Amino acid sequence: MPIRFNYCPHCNEKIMFRIDLGDIDTSQYPAPVYIIHEDKSCGKLSTFYVDSLLRISYKELDKKPGGIKTIRSIK
């Protein structure tokens, strides 16, 4: 399970999370996945879009339809 990082679109802090192909809908790319920023000062959910190599292509503040799994960030 690869560990990826990006920045939270709510607080702009660096977040890390584990993601696997089983966490996304492989019938569509970029595939949405929900990430919860596990931090006392944030704790918000965002939609991240990943490609077939599990790279983040873009992110949005809101929960957008289509994600199949919610992933919690690693502290």
C-alpha atoms as a PDB file:
ATOM      1  CA  MET A   1       0.000   0.000   0.000  1.00  0.00           C
ATOM      2  CA  PRO A   2       1.795   3.181  -1.161  1.00  0.00           C
ATOM      3  CA  ILE A   3       2.015   6.211   1.076  1.00  0.00           C
ATOM      4  CA  ARG A   4       1.223   9.467  -0.703  1.00  0.00           C
ATOM      5  CA  PHE A   5       1.248  13.063   0.431  1.00  0.00           C
ATOM      6  CA  ASN A   6      -0.414  16.260  -0.661  1.00  0.00           C
ATOM      7  CA  TYR A   7      -1.746  19.393   0.973  1.00  0.00           C
ATOM      8  CA  CYS A   8      -5.111  19.779   2.631  1.00  0.00           C
ATOM      9  CA  PRO A   9      -7.269  22.179   0.577  1.00  0.00           C
ATOM     10  CA  HIS A  10      -8.835  23.518   3.803  1.00  0.00           C
ATOM     11  CA  CYS A  11      -5.765  24.380   5.893  1.00  0.00           C
ATOM     12  CA  ASN A  12      -2.877  23.913   3.401  1.00  0.00           C
ATOM     13  CA  GLU A  13      -1.005  21.635   5.813  1.00  0.00           C
ATOM     14  CA  LYS A  14       0.895  18.663   4.384  1.00  0.00           C
ATOM     15  CA  ILE A  15      -1.032  15.413   4.816  1.00  0.00           C
ATOM     16  CA  MET A  16       0.039  11.813   4.253  1.00  0.00           C
ATOM     17  CA  PHE A  17      -2.205   8.846   3.541  1.00  0.00           C
ATOM     18  CA  ARG A  18      -2.054   5.238   2.410  1.00  0.00           C
ATOM     19  CA  ILE A  19      -3.875   4.429  -0.819  1.00  0.00           C
ATOM     20  CA  ASP A  20      -4.252   1.338  -2.983  1.00  0.00           C
ATOM     21  CA  LEU A  21      -6.012   0.602  -6.271  1.00  0.00           C
ATOM     22  CA  GLY A  22      -8.759  -1.083  -4.239  1.00  0.00           C
ATOM     23  CA  ASP A  23      -9.580   2.312  -2.704  1.00  0.00           C
ATOM     24  CA  ILE A  24     -10.648   3.829  -6.026  1.00  0.00           C
ATOM     25  CA  ASP A  25     -13.046   3.131  -8.878  1.00  0.00           C
ATOM     26  CA  THR A  26     -10.638   1.939 -11.581  1.00  0.00           C
ATOM     27  CA  SER A  27     -13.298   2.287 -14.288  1.00  0.00           C
ATOM     28  CA  GLN A  28     -12.808   6.064 -14.278  1.00  0.00           C
ATOM     29  CA  TYR A  29      -9.750   8.304 -14.143  1.00  0.00           C
ATOM     30  CA  PRO A  30      -9.192  10.585 -12.463  1.00  0.00           C
ATOM     31  CA  ALA A  31     -10.977   8.624  -9.756  1.00  0.00           C
ATOM     32  CA  PRO A  32     -12.321  10.431  -6.675  1.00  0.00           C
ATOM     33  CA  VAL A  33     -11.354   9.333  -3.181  1.00  0.00           C
ATOM     34  CA  TYR A  34     -12.314  11.021   0.077  1.00  0.00           C
ATOM     35  CA  ILE A  35      -9.547  12.002   2.498  1.00  0.00           C
ATOM     36  CA  ILE A  36     -10.183  13.100   6.077  1.00  0.00           C
ATOM     37  CA  HIS A  37      -7.416  15.278   7.494  1.00  0.00           C
ATOM     38  CA  GLU A  38      -6.908  13.719  10.924  1.00  0.00           C
ATOM     39  CA  ASP A  39      -5.734  16.777  12.816  1.00  0.00           C
ATOM     40  CA  LYS A  40      -7.190  18.579  15.831  1.00  0.00           C
ATOM     41  CA  SER A  41      -7.048  21.926  14.055  1.00  0.00           C
ATOM     42  CA  CYS A  42      -8.673  20.705  10.815  1.00  0.00           C
ATOM     43  CA  GLY A  43     -10.504  17.355  10.688  1.00  0.00           C
ATOM     44  CA  LYS A  44     -12.252  18.173   7.404  1.00  0.00           C
ATOM     45  CA  LEU A  45     -13.093  15.909   4.489  1.00  0.00           C
ATOM     46  CA  SER A  46     -11.951  16.670   0.940  1.00  0.00           C
ATOM     47  CA  THR A  47     -12.194  14.936  -2.422  1.00  0.00           C
ATOM     48  CA  PHE A  48      -8.888  14.047  -4.054  1.00  0.00           C
ATOM     49  CA  TYR A  49      -8.689  12.718  -7.613  1.00  0.00           C
ATOM     50  CA  VAL A  50      -6.092  10.097  -8.464  1.00  0.00           C
ATOM     51  CA  ASP A  51      -4.790   8.647 -11.714  1.00  0.00           C
ATOM     52  CA  SER A  52      -3.893   5.031 -12.519  1.00  0.00           C
ATOM     53  CA  LEU A  53      -0.483   5.469 -10.841  1.00  0.00           C
ATOM     54  CA  LEU A  54      -2.199   6.777  -7.673  1.00  0.00           C
ATOM     55  CA  ARG A  55      -0.917  10.313  -8.210  1.00  0.00           C
ATOM     56  CA  ILE A  56      -3.117  13.218  -7.157  1.00  0.00           C
ATOM     57  CA  SER A  57      -4.303  15.207 -10.150  1.00  0.00           C
ATOM     58  CA  TYR A  58      -6.398  17.763  -8.266  1.00  0.00           C
ATOM     59  CA  LYS A  59      -8.439  18.215  -5.094  1.00  0.00           C
ATOM     60  CA  GLU A  60     -11.645  19.912  -4.024  1.00  0.00           C
ATOM     61  CA  LEU A  61     -12.937  21.234  -0.744  1.00  0.00           C
ATOM     62  CA  ASP A  62     -16.288  19.461  -0.917  1.00  0.00           C
ATOM     63  CA  LYS A  63     -17.279  15.819  -1.024  1.00  0.00           C
ATOM     64  CA  LYS A  64     -18.035  15.093  -4.676  1.00  0.00           C
ATOM     65  CA  PRO A  65     -20.028  12.021  -5.775  1.00  0.00           C
ATOM     66  CA  GLY A  66     -18.231   8.975  -7.117  1.00  0.00           C
ATOM     67  CA  GLY A  67     -15.733   8.103  -4.396  1.00  0.00           C
ATOM     68  CA  ILE A  68     -15.925   4.564  -3.071  1.00  0.00           C
ATOM     69  CA  LYS A  69     -13.790   4.890   0.039  1.00  0.00           C
ATOM     70  CA  THR A  70     -12.974   7.415   2.751  1.00  0.00           C
ATOM     71  CA  ILE A  71      -9.322   7.378   3.838  1.00  0.00           C
ATOM     72  CA  ARG A  72      -7.990   8.949   7.011  1.00  0.00           C
ATOM     73  CA  SER A  73      -4.699  10.802   6.849  1.00  0.00           C
ATOM     74  CA  ILE A  74      -1.653   9.562   8.744  1.00  0.00           C
ATOM     75  CA  LYS A  75      -0.568  11.820  11.548  1.00  0.00           C
END
